[in-house]
Amino acid sequence: MASGIMEVLLVSAKGLGDTDFIGDMDPYVIVQYKSQERKSGVAREQGGQPVWNERLKFKVDYPRTSWRI
């Protein structure tokens, strides 16, 4: 089985509903791939329009393909 790295670029979000009563909310993102989980940093005081610009990396395995020559 071959393996590699999958990279997810987390850029931003728009239109999130504010859930904080005082101040702006501090959103973050959790991304899951199979049994792996990655969490972004917290976008402090960015409310409903957070920006992360983070790269989340996952190890991926995929079956080898057969080559006929």
C-alpha atoms as a PDB file:
ATOM      1  CA  MET A   1       0.000   0.000   0.000  1.00  0.00           C
ATOM      2  CA  ALA A   2       1.334   3.421  -0.910  1.00  0.00           C
ATOM      3  CA  SER A   3       1.067   6.400   1.410  1.00  0.00           C
ATOM      4  CA  GLY A   4       1.201  10.143   1.102  1.00  0.00           C
ATOM      5  CA  ILE A   5       0.154  13.411   2.689  1.00  0.00           C
ATOM      6  CA  MET A   6      -3.158  15.177   2.096  1.00  0.00           C
ATOM      7  CA  GLU A   7      -3.017  18.867   2.876  1.00  0.00           C
ATOM      8  CA  VAL A   8      -6.210  20.827   3.579  1.00  0.00           C
ATOM      9  CA  LEU A   9      -5.987  24.604   3.285  1.00  0.00           C
ATOM     10  CA  LEU A  10      -8.398  26.211   5.732  1.00  0.00           C
ATOM     11  CA  VAL A  11      -8.894  29.785   4.562  1.00  0.00           C
ATOM     12  CA  SER A  12     -11.940  31.447   6.135  1.00  0.00           C
ATOM     13  CA  ALA A  13     -15.652  31.265   6.903  1.00  0.00           C
ATOM     14  CA  LYS A  14     -18.513  33.678   6.269  1.00  0.00           C
ATOM     15  CA  GLY A  15     -21.910  34.230   7.819  1.00  0.00           C
ATOM     16  CA  LEU A  16     -21.431  32.331  11.073  1.00  0.00           C
ATOM     17  CA  GLY A  17     -24.164  33.077  13.604  1.00  0.00           C
ATOM     18  CA  ASP A  18     -22.820  34.801  16.729  1.00  0.00           C
ATOM     19  CA  THR A  19     -23.238  32.598  19.794  1.00  0.00           C
ATOM     20  CA  ASP A  20     -21.497  34.853  22.331  1.00  0.00           C
ATOM     21  CA  PHE A  21     -23.584  37.223  24.413  1.00  0.00           C
ATOM     22  CA  ILE A  22     -20.617  39.435  25.279  1.00  0.00           C
ATOM     23  CA  GLY A  23     -17.990  40.253  22.641  1.00  0.00           C
ATOM     24  CA  ASP A  24     -17.265  38.341  19.456  1.00  0.00           C
ATOM     25  CA  MET A  25     -17.137  34.567  19.314  1.00  0.00           C
ATOM     26  CA  ASP A  26     -13.846  32.709  18.912  1.00  0.00           C
ATOM     27  CA  PRO A  27     -14.464  30.058  16.217  1.00  0.00           C
ATOM     28  CA  TYR A  28     -12.263  27.096  15.354  1.00  0.00           C
ATOM     29  CA  VAL A  29     -12.563  24.160  12.963  1.00  0.00           C
ATOM     30  CA  ILE A  30     -12.186  20.405  13.481  1.00  0.00           C
ATOM     31  CA  VAL A  31     -11.453  18.322  10.375  1.00  0.00           C
ATOM     32  CA  GLN A  32     -11.612  14.521  10.480  1.00  0.00           C
ATOM     33  CA  TYR A  33     -10.251  12.065   7.936  1.00  0.00           C
ATOM     34  CA  LYS A  34     -10.803   8.418   8.831  1.00  0.00           C
ATOM     35  CA  SER A  35      -9.344   8.050  12.355  1.00  0.00           C
ATOM     36  CA  GLN A  36      -7.283  11.262  12.209  1.00  0.00           C
ATOM     37  CA  GLU A  37      -8.467  14.585  13.591  1.00  0.00           C
ATOM     38  CA  ARG A  38      -6.938  18.043  13.241  1.00  0.00           C
ATOM     39  CA  LYS A  39      -8.057  21.238  14.973  1.00  0.00           C
ATOM     40  CA  SER A  40      -7.386  24.739  13.704  1.00  0.00           C
ATOM     41  CA  GLY A  41      -6.208  27.549  15.872  1.00  0.00           C
ATOM     42  CA  VAL A  42      -8.860  29.714  17.511  1.00  0.00           C
ATOM     43  CA  ALA A  43      -9.784  32.823  15.497  1.00  0.00           C
ATOM     44  CA  ARG A  44      -9.998  35.110  18.522  1.00  0.00           C
ATOM     45  CA  GLU A  45     -12.540  37.938  18.448  1.00  0.00           C
ATOM     46  CA  GLN A  46     -13.228  37.443  14.714  1.00  0.00           C
ATOM     47  CA  GLY A  47     -16.953  36.748  15.073  1.00  0.00           C
ATOM     48  CA  GLY A  48     -18.872  35.524  12.035  1.00  0.00           C
ATOM     49  CA  GLN A  49     -16.102  36.219   9.482  1.00  0.00           C
ATOM     50  CA  PRO A  50     -13.038  34.344  10.802  1.00  0.00           C
ATOM     51  CA  VAL A  51      -9.811  33.945   8.829  1.00  0.00           C
ATOM     52  CA  TRP A  52      -7.337  31.140   9.527  1.00  0.00           C
ATOM     53  CA  ASN A  53      -5.080  30.562   6.487  1.00  0.00           C
ATOM     54  CA  GLU A  54      -3.829  27.318   8.046  1.00  0.00           C
ATOM     55  CA  ARG A  55      -2.697  24.049   6.505  1.00  0.00           C
ATOM     56  CA  LEU A  56      -3.901  20.831   8.122  1.00  0.00           C
ATOM     57  CA  LYS A  57      -2.034  17.666   7.104  1.00  0.00           C
ATOM     58  CA  PHE A  58      -3.270  14.080   7.106  1.00  0.00           C
ATOM     59  CA  LYS A  59      -1.486  10.835   6.319  1.00  0.00           C
ATOM     60  CA  VAL A  60      -3.309   8.960   3.563  1.00  0.00           C
ATOM     61  CA  ASP A  61      -2.905   5.384   2.393  1.00  0.00           C
ATOM     62  CA  TYR A  62      -4.128   4.095  -0.913  1.00  0.00           C
ATOM     63  CA  PRO A  63      -3.773   0.754  -2.651  1.00  0.00           C
ATOM     64  CA  ARG A  64      -1.057   0.364  -5.224  1.00  0.00           C
ATOM     65  CA  THR A  65      -2.167   0.164  -8.791  1.00  0.00           C
ATOM     66  CA  SER A  66      -1.011  -2.520 -11.165  1.00  0.00           C
ATOM     67  CA  TRP A  67       1.055  -1.450 -14.141  1.00  0.00           C
ATOM     68  CA  ARG A  68       1.082  -3.401 -17.365  1.00  0.00           C
ATOM     69  CA  ILE A  69       4.017  -2.695 -19.630  1.00  0.00           C
END
